[in-house]
Amino acid sequence: MGSDDLHHKRKARRAKDLARRKSSRAPYDRVLIVCEGSKTEPNYLRELIDYLKLSSANVEVDGDSGSSPVSVVQHAKQRYREERDKGDAFDRVFCVFDKDTHTTYAAAIHALNGLRPRGVFQSTPSVPCFEYWLLLHFTYTTRPYNSSGSRSACDCLIGELRNYMHGYSKGDRGIFKQVMDQTDQAIAFSKRAVKAAERAGTDNPTTRMHELVEYLKHFRKH
């Protein structure tokens, strides 16, 4: 068999596989969510996606990017390009990461702002960390979190969160189930905290998780 025949057969097989993938999807956006953490954020988001009954063929959570904000952005960019080159680009890519003690946080935000195409890549940062989003399910606070002795700002926040989620530990499963009934309150509190931070000229504390959660909740209507 000639090389041209092999090339055409491979091309036809790829086209068939692509058509099969697309036909298995629900009629809404194809979404990639790349998380800094390999457990905490992916566990929460996968549980949310299951609860909303969203198609796993449409919404993918990727926790294999490494632990720095810049590595999240680089991994997201690579995954987007790979799928685009296959003719099956993601409609939206969310990059979920914390500020906490990361030295590459500002560089990651800057890199995301420069990515193309416009409107596809979205930063979903939390300051100091994801647990602020969880805390907002129980109470509204704009008190800044800072390191104290050997404890990071996130450690201090987790200590406060445990007043409401006893025994909470990073990587726990079932987190979404514990807070799901207060999701709408967390969204409202998160939006309010962002506005308060903008007025005060700070980002501590803030989270953009409400934007991602509202975006996913929108697809539940389909």
Protein backbone atom coordinates (compact mmCIF):
# COMPACT_ATOMS: atom_id res chain seq x y z
CA MET A 1 0.00 0.00 0.00
CA GLY A 2 1.38 3.38 -0.99
CA SER A 3 2.07 6.21 1.42
CA ASP A 4 -0.65 8.33 -0.21
CA ASP A 5 -3.23 5.63 0.50
CA LEU A 6 -2.12 5.42 4.14
CA HIS A 7 -2.30 9.20 4.46
CA HIS A 8 -5.83 9.33 3.07
CA LYS A 9 -6.99 6.46 5.31
CA ARG A 10 -5.59 8.15 8.41
CA LYS A 11 -7.19 11.44 7.41
CA ALA A 12 -10.55 9.73 6.85
CA ARG A 13 -10.27 7.95 10.21
CA ARG A 14 -9.51 11.22 12.02
CA ALA A 15 -12.47 12.89 10.33
CA LYS A 16 -14.73 10.00 11.35
CA ASP A 17 -13.49 10.14 14.96
CA LEU A 18 -14.04 13.91 15.05
CA ALA A 19 -17.58 13.56 13.70
CA ARG A 20 -18.33 10.89 16.32
CA ARG A 21 -17.03 13.10 19.13
CA LYS A 22 -19.10 16.06 17.98
CA SER A 23 -22.26 13.99 17.58
CA SER A 24 -22.00 12.77 21.18
CA ARG A 25 -22.15 16.30 22.60
CA ALA A 26 -25.03 18.30 23.99
CA PRO A 27 -26.00 21.48 22.08
CA TYR A 28 -23.96 23.92 24.14
CA ASP A 29 -20.36 25.13 24.45
CA ARG A 30 -17.37 22.87 24.66
CA VAL A 31 -15.53 23.98 27.80
CA LEU A 32 -12.10 23.27 29.29
CA ILE A 33 -11.44 24.09 32.96
CA VAL A 34 -7.76 23.88 33.92
CA CYS A 35 -7.12 23.87 37.67
CA GLU A 36 -4.00 24.61 39.66
CA GLY A 37 -4.89 21.99 42.24
CA SER A 38 -5.09 18.32 41.33
CA LYS A 39 -7.79 17.50 43.90
CA THR A 40 -9.64 20.29 45.73
CA GLU A 41 -10.86 22.39 42.80
CA PRO A 42 -11.32 19.47 40.35
CA ASN A 43 -13.31 17.50 42.94
CA TYR A 44 -15.62 20.46 43.62
CA LEU A 45 -16.10 21.25 39.93
CA ARG A 46 -16.72 17.65 38.85
CA GLU A 47 -19.32 17.29 41.60
CA LEU A 48 -20.95 20.55 40.45
CA ILE A 49 -20.96 19.35 36.83
CA ASP A 50 -22.54 16.03 37.86
CA TYR A 51 -25.18 17.87 39.89
CA LEU A 52 -26.03 20.10 36.92
CA LYS A 53 -26.17 16.97 34.70
CA LEU A 54 -23.81 18.53 32.18
CA SER A 55 -22.28 16.33 29.50
CA SER A 56 -18.70 15.19 30.13
CA ALA A 57 -18.29 15.35 26.35
CA ASN A 58 -18.86 19.11 26.60
CA VAL A 59 -17.22 20.10 29.88
CA GLU A 60 -13.77 18.83 30.84
CA VAL A 61 -11.94 19.48 34.12
CA ASP A 62 -8.15 19.15 33.86
CA GLY A 63 -6.07 19.02 37.05
CA ASP A 64 -2.80 17.98 35.43
CA SER A 65 -1.26 21.38 34.82
CA GLY A 66 1.12 21.67 37.76
CA SER A 67 0.78 23.90 40.79
CA SER A 68 1.84 27.37 39.61
CA PRO A 69 -0.48 29.93 37.94
CA VAL A 70 1.83 30.23 34.93
CA SER A 71 1.85 26.45 34.42
CA VAL A 72 -1.98 26.52 34.43
CA VAL A 73 -1.99 29.11 31.65
CA GLN A 74 0.67 27.29 29.62
CA HIS A 75 -1.17 23.99 29.91
CA ALA A 76 -4.49 25.62 28.96
CA LYS A 77 -2.89 27.23 25.91
CA GLN A 78 -1.34 23.93 24.84
CA ARG A 79 -4.58 21.97 25.26
CA TYR A 80 -6.52 24.61 23.31
CA ARG A 81 -4.06 24.54 20.42
CA GLU A 82 -4.04 20.74 20.28
CA GLU A 83 -7.82 20.56 20.01
CA ARG A 84 -7.98 23.49 17.60
CA ASP A 85 -5.47 21.78 15.31
CA LYS A 86 -7.72 18.70 15.31
CA GLY A 87 -10.58 20.90 14.14
CA ASP A 88 -12.38 20.68 17.50
CA ALA A 89 -11.46 23.82 19.47
CA PHE A 90 -12.88 24.61 22.88
CA ASP A 91 -15.39 27.46 22.95
CA ARG A 92 -14.20 28.63 26.36
CA VAL A 93 -11.16 27.89 28.52
CA PHE A 94 -11.16 28.77 32.23
CA CYS A 95 -7.92 28.93 34.21
CA VAL A 96 -8.54 28.35 37.92
CA PHE A 97 -5.69 29.28 40.26
CA ASP A 98 -4.87 30.94 43.59
CA LYS A 99 -2.72 33.95 44.38
CA ASP A 100 -1.57 32.85 47.86
CA THR A 101 2.26 32.75 47.88
CA HIS A 102 2.72 32.12 44.15
CA THR A 103 5.39 34.27 42.54
CA THR A 104 3.98 33.77 39.02
CA TYR A 105 0.46 35.04 39.76
CA ALA A 106 0.87 38.45 38.09
CA ALA A 107 2.65 36.89 35.10
CA ALA A 108 -0.22 34.42 34.66
CA ILE A 109 -2.85 37.19 34.67
CA HIS A 110 -0.77 39.18 32.17
CA ALA A 111 -0.32 36.14 29.90
CA LEU A 112 -4.03 35.37 29.93
CA ASN A 113 -4.90 38.93 28.97
CA GLY A 114 -2.76 38.55 25.86
CA LEU A 115 -4.05 35.19 24.62
CA ARG A 116 -5.99 34.86 21.39
CA PRO A 117 -8.66 34.41 20.27
CA ARG A 118 -10.26 37.07 22.44
CA GLY A 119 -13.14 35.91 24.59
CA VAL A 120 -12.02 32.27 24.79
CA PHE A 121 -9.55 32.31 27.70
CA GLN A 122 -10.77 33.49 31.08
CA SER A 123 -8.90 33.81 34.36
CA THR A 124 -10.68 32.53 37.46
CA PRO A 125 -8.38 33.54 40.30
CA SER A 126 -9.01 33.41 44.03
CA VAL A 127 -7.23 35.62 46.56
CA PRO A 128 -5.75 34.30 48.67
CA CYS A 129 -7.12 30.88 47.64
CA PHE A 130 -10.11 28.79 46.52
CA GLU A 131 -11.29 28.36 50.10
CA TYR A 132 -12.47 31.98 50.11
CA TRP A 133 -15.14 30.88 47.60
CA LEU A 134 -16.19 28.12 50.00
CA LEU A 135 -16.29 30.52 52.95
CA LEU A 136 -18.68 32.81 51.06
CA HIS A 137 -21.27 30.02 51.13
CA PHE A 138 -21.56 30.66 54.87
CA THR A 139 -20.67 34.29 55.54
CA TYR A 140 -19.77 37.55 53.86
CA THR A 141 -16.42 39.02 54.77
CA THR A 142 -13.94 41.37 53.12
CA ARG A 143 -11.35 41.16 55.88
CA PRO A 144 -7.95 40.71 54.16
CA TYR A 145 -6.04 37.50 54.76
CA ASN A 146 -2.30 37.69 55.35
CA SER A 147 0.40 35.28 56.44
CA SER A 148 0.97 34.92 60.16
CA GLY A 149 4.16 33.34 61.41
CA SER A 150 4.58 30.01 59.62
CA ARG A 151 0.97 30.06 58.40
CA SER A 152 0.25 31.32 54.90
CA ALA A 153 -2.72 33.56 54.17
CA CYS A 154 -4.56 30.51 52.83
CA ASP A 155 -3.80 28.53 56.01
CA CYS A 156 -5.36 31.35 58.03
CA LEU A 157 -8.43 31.37 55.80
CA ILE A 158 -8.83 27.60 56.09
CA GLY A 159 -8.73 27.97 59.86
CA GLU A 160 -11.74 30.30 59.61
CA LEU A 161 -13.52 28.02 57.12
CA ARG A 162 -13.31 25.15 59.61
CA ASN A 163 -15.66 27.09 61.88
CA TYR A 164 -18.32 26.23 59.31
CA MET A 165 -16.94 23.09 57.63
CA HIS A 166 -15.58 21.12 60.57
CA GLY A 167 -12.57 19.00 59.70
CA TYR A 168 -12.20 20.54 56.25
CA SER A 169 -9.02 19.51 54.47
CA LYS A 170 -7.70 20.25 50.99
CA GLY A 171 -8.45 17.42 48.60
CA ASP A 172 -11.61 16.32 50.38
CA ARG A 173 -14.35 14.76 48.31
CA GLY A 174 -18.00 15.72 48.73
CA ILE A 175 -17.24 19.43 49.24
CA PHE A 176 -19.84 20.59 46.74
CA LYS A 177 -22.55 18.51 48.42
CA GLN A 178 -21.80 20.26 51.72
CA VAL A 179 -22.24 23.75 50.25
CA MET A 180 -24.58 23.27 47.27
CA ASP A 181 -27.67 24.68 48.98
CA GLN A 182 -25.85 28.00 49.56
CA THR A 183 -24.47 28.37 46.02
CA ASP A 184 -26.71 31.32 45.10
CA GLN A 185 -25.69 33.10 48.30
CA ALA A 186 -22.00 32.51 47.54
CA ILE A 187 -22.46 33.95 44.05
CA ALA A 188 -24.12 37.08 45.44
CA PHE A 189 -21.49 37.50 48.17
CA SER A 190 -18.66 36.96 45.68
CA LYS A 191 -19.96 39.65 43.32
CA ARG A 192 -20.37 42.00 46.28
CA ALA A 193 -16.82 41.30 47.48
CA VAL A 194 -15.34 42.04 44.03
CA LYS A 195 -17.09 45.42 43.96
CA ALA A 196 -15.92 46.21 47.50
CA ALA A 197 -12.34 45.28 46.58
CA GLU A 198 -12.42 47.46 43.47
CA ARG A 199 -13.61 50.42 45.56
CA ALA A 200 -10.83 49.79 48.08
CA GLY A 201 -8.15 49.34 45.40
CA THR A 202 -7.25 45.81 46.48
CA ASP A 203 -7.85 42.19 45.50
CA ASN A 204 -7.62 40.68 49.00
CA PRO A 205 -9.96 38.91 49.40
CA THR A 206 -11.69 38.18 46.09
CA THR A 207 -12.62 35.26 43.87
CA ARG A 208 -13.97 34.97 40.34
CA MET A 209 -15.39 31.51 40.91
CA HIS A 210 -18.90 32.97 40.71
CA GLU A 211 -18.32 33.72 37.01
CA LEU A 212 -17.44 30.11 36.25
CA VAL A 213 -20.27 28.66 38.35
CA GLU A 214 -22.87 30.96 36.80
CA TYR A 215 -21.56 30.09 33.33
CA LEU A 216 -21.97 26.37 34.01
CA LYS A 217 -25.37 26.81 35.64
CA HIS A 218 -26.59 28.51 32.47
CA PHE A 219 -26.20 25.25 30.52
CA ARG A 220 -28.50 23.40 32.90
CA LYS A 221 -31.44 24.95 31.04
CA HIS A 222 -30.64 22.95 27.92
